[in-house]
Amino acid sequence: MWAGTVLTDPAAFSGWHHHGEYDTYVYVISGRVSVESGPQGRDRVDAGADDFLYIPRGTVHREGNPDELPAHAVVVRVGSGQQVFNVEGPGT
């Protein structure tokens, strides 16, 4: 298991990646977090303060902060092996 906090700058997004054999749980403390996934990244979930997100192991995604204020979240990953695999994109 790995746990930590994340502070994401306004309008900042990660690159496309997945977390291998780790399930990821996110609790948003403040601000807003968006997660894009699915074919060509068309699926999007937004979470605000006091919301939880779940990203299943192996899900290609990118996350970020679509707002003008910082976003603060707690992230917990449960699994084993390498935690981050960067990829070119979400595929078709």
C-alpha atoms as a PDB file:
ATOM      1  CA  MET A   1       0.000   0.000   0.000  1.00  0.00           C
ATOM      2  CA  TRP A   2       1.082   3.555  -0.705  1.00  0.00           C
ATOM      3  CA  ALA A   3      -0.619   6.720   0.580  1.00  0.00           C
ATOM      4  CA  GLY A   4       0.094  10.408   0.184  1.00  0.00           C
ATOM      5  CA  THR A   5      -1.320  13.829  -0.476  1.00  0.00           C
ATOM      6  CA  VAL A   6      -1.343  15.596  -3.819  1.00  0.00           C
ATOM      7  CA  LEU A   7      -1.598  19.336  -4.504  1.00  0.00           C
ATOM      8  CA  THR A   8      -2.426  20.037  -8.157  1.00  0.00           C
ATOM      9  CA  ASP A   9      -1.977  23.487  -9.675  1.00  0.00           C
ATOM     10  CA  PRO A  10      -4.858  25.129 -11.531  1.00  0.00           C
ATOM     11  CA  ALA A  11      -5.382  23.870 -15.106  1.00  0.00           C
ATOM     12  CA  ALA A  12      -2.665  21.195 -14.690  1.00  0.00           C
ATOM     13  CA  PHE A  13      -3.110  17.639 -16.058  1.00  0.00           C
ATOM     14  CA  SER A  14      -0.872  14.597 -15.945  1.00  0.00           C
ATOM     15  CA  GLY A  15       0.168  12.609 -18.982  1.00  0.00           C
ATOM     16  CA  TRP A  16      -1.566   9.340 -19.858  1.00  0.00           C
ATOM     17  CA  HIS A  17      -0.584   6.466 -17.581  1.00  0.00           C
ATOM     18  CA  HIS A  18      -1.818   3.512 -15.540  1.00  0.00           C
ATOM     19  CA  HIS A  19      -0.898   2.072 -12.156  1.00  0.00           C
ATOM     20  CA  GLY A  20      -0.231  -1.544 -13.091  1.00  0.00           C
ATOM     21  CA  GLU A  21      -1.440  -3.875 -10.361  1.00  0.00           C
ATOM     22  CA  TYR A  22      -2.546  -1.058  -8.031  1.00  0.00           C
ATOM     23  CA  ASP A  23      -6.130   0.020  -7.348  1.00  0.00           C
ATOM     24  CA  THR A  24      -6.197   3.751  -6.652  1.00  0.00           C
ATOM     25  CA  TYR A  25      -8.539   5.564  -4.257  1.00  0.00           C
ATOM     26  CA  VAL A  26      -8.709   9.367  -4.168  1.00  0.00           C
ATOM     27  CA  TYR A  27     -10.372  11.574  -1.562  1.00  0.00           C
ATOM     28  CA  VAL A  28     -10.678  15.227  -2.641  1.00  0.00           C
ATOM     29  CA  ILE A  29     -10.024  17.604   0.246  1.00  0.00           C
ATOM     30  CA  SER A  30     -10.534  20.839  -1.712  1.00  0.00           C
ATOM     31  CA  GLY A  31     -10.864  22.002  -5.294  1.00  0.00           C
ATOM     32  CA  ARG A  32     -11.846  19.710  -8.128  1.00  0.00           C
ATOM     33  CA  VAL A  33     -10.177  16.671  -9.690  1.00  0.00           C
ATOM     34  CA  SER A  34     -11.018  15.280 -13.135  1.00  0.00           C
ATOM     35  CA  VAL A  35     -10.097  11.808 -14.371  1.00  0.00           C
ATOM     36  CA  GLU A  36     -10.262  11.029 -18.101  1.00  0.00           C
ATOM     37  CA  SER A  37     -10.194   7.429 -19.356  1.00  0.00           C
ATOM     38  CA  GLY A  38     -11.851   5.040 -21.788  1.00  0.00           C
ATOM     39  CA  PRO A  39     -11.619   4.924 -25.584  1.00  0.00           C
ATOM     40  CA  GLN A  40      -9.765   8.026 -26.795  1.00  0.00           C
ATOM     41  CA  GLY A  41     -10.158   9.509 -23.302  1.00  0.00           C
ATOM     42  CA  ARG A  42     -13.858  10.232 -23.826  1.00  0.00           C
ATOM     43  CA  ASP A  43     -14.953   9.175 -20.335  1.00  0.00           C
ATOM     44  CA  ARG A  44     -14.562  11.866 -17.686  1.00  0.00           C
ATOM     45  CA  VAL A  45     -15.384  11.890 -13.989  1.00  0.00           C
ATOM     46  CA  ASP A  46     -15.247  15.077 -11.916  1.00  0.00           C
ATOM     47  CA  ALA A  47     -14.990  15.077  -8.133  1.00  0.00           C
ATOM     48  CA  GLY A  48     -15.154  17.978  -5.695  1.00  0.00           C
ATOM     49  CA  ALA A  49     -14.443  18.443  -2.008  1.00  0.00           C
ATOM     50  CA  ASP A  50     -15.505  15.435   0.107  1.00  0.00           C
ATOM     51  CA  ASP A  51     -15.893  13.181  -2.968  1.00  0.00           C
ATOM     52  CA  PHE A  52     -14.105   9.879  -3.539  1.00  0.00           C
ATOM     53  CA  LEU A  53     -12.771   8.471  -6.829  1.00  0.00           C
ATOM     54  CA  TYR A  54     -11.791   4.893  -7.619  1.00  0.00           C
ATOM     55  CA  ILE A  55      -9.413   4.035 -10.463  1.00  0.00           C
ATOM     56  CA  PRO A  56      -9.194   0.259 -11.026  1.00  0.00           C
ATOM     57  CA  ARG A  57      -5.799  -1.351 -11.580  1.00  0.00           C
ATOM     58  CA  GLY A  58      -4.561  -1.181 -15.170  1.00  0.00           C
ATOM     59  CA  THR A  59      -6.948   1.639 -16.202  1.00  0.00           C
ATOM     60  CA  VAL A  60      -5.231   4.006 -18.645  1.00  0.00           C
ATOM     61  CA  HIS A  61      -6.130   7.529 -17.556  1.00  0.00           C
ATOM     62  CA  ARG A  62      -4.949  11.030 -16.869  1.00  0.00           C
ATOM     63  CA  GLU A  63      -5.982  13.251 -14.008  1.00  0.00           C
ATOM     64  CA  GLY A  64      -5.888  16.922 -13.362  1.00  0.00           C
ATOM     65  CA  ASN A  65      -7.414  20.078 -12.038  1.00  0.00           C
ATOM     66  CA  PRO A  66      -9.777  21.872 -14.455  1.00  0.00           C
ATOM     67  CA  ASP A  67     -10.340  24.830 -12.112  1.00  0.00           C
ATOM     68  CA  GLU A  68      -8.604  28.136 -11.412  1.00  0.00           C
ATOM     69  CA  LEU A  69      -7.743  27.240  -7.806  1.00  0.00           C
ATOM     70  CA  PRO A  70      -5.413  24.487  -6.520  1.00  0.00           C
ATOM     71  CA  ALA A  71      -6.849  21.035  -5.786  1.00  0.00           C
ATOM     72  CA  HIS A  72      -5.772  19.035  -2.737  1.00  0.00           C
ATOM     73  CA  ALA A  73      -6.393  15.297  -2.413  1.00  0.00           C
ATOM     74  CA  VAL A  74      -5.398  12.172  -0.507  1.00  0.00           C
ATOM     75  CA  VAL A  75      -4.348   9.248  -2.727  1.00  0.00           C
ATOM     76  CA  VAL A  76      -4.169   5.616  -1.576  1.00  0.00           C
ATOM     77  CA  ARG A  77      -2.885   2.818  -3.831  1.00  0.00           C
ATOM     78  CA  VAL A  78      -3.232  -0.845  -2.947  1.00  0.00           C
ATOM     79  CA  GLY A  79      -1.345  -3.480  -4.918  1.00  0.00           C
ATOM     80  CA  SER A  80       2.177  -4.531  -5.773  1.00  0.00           C
ATOM     81  CA  GLY A  81       4.937  -3.902  -8.289  1.00  0.00           C
ATOM     82  CA  GLN A  82       5.764  -0.761 -10.201  1.00  0.00           C
ATOM     83  CA  GLN A  83       3.268   2.024  -9.452  1.00  0.00           C
ATOM     84  CA  VAL A  84       3.293   4.144 -12.617  1.00  0.00           C
ATOM     85  CA  PHE A  85       3.473   3.181 -16.297  1.00  0.00           C
ATOM     86  CA  ASN A  86       3.480   6.139 -18.708  1.00  0.00           C
ATOM     87  CA  VAL A  87       1.800   5.471 -22.066  1.00  0.00           C
ATOM     88  CA  GLU A  88       1.233   7.399 -25.305  1.00  0.00           C
ATOM     89  CA  GLY A  89      -2.525   7.714 -24.891  1.00  0.00           C
ATOM     90  CA  PRO A  90      -5.731   5.969 -23.962  1.00  0.00           C
ATOM     91  CA  GLY A  91      -6.114   4.006 -27.205  1.00  0.00           C
ATOM     92  CA  THR A  92      -9.256   3.454 -29.199  1.00  0.00           C
END
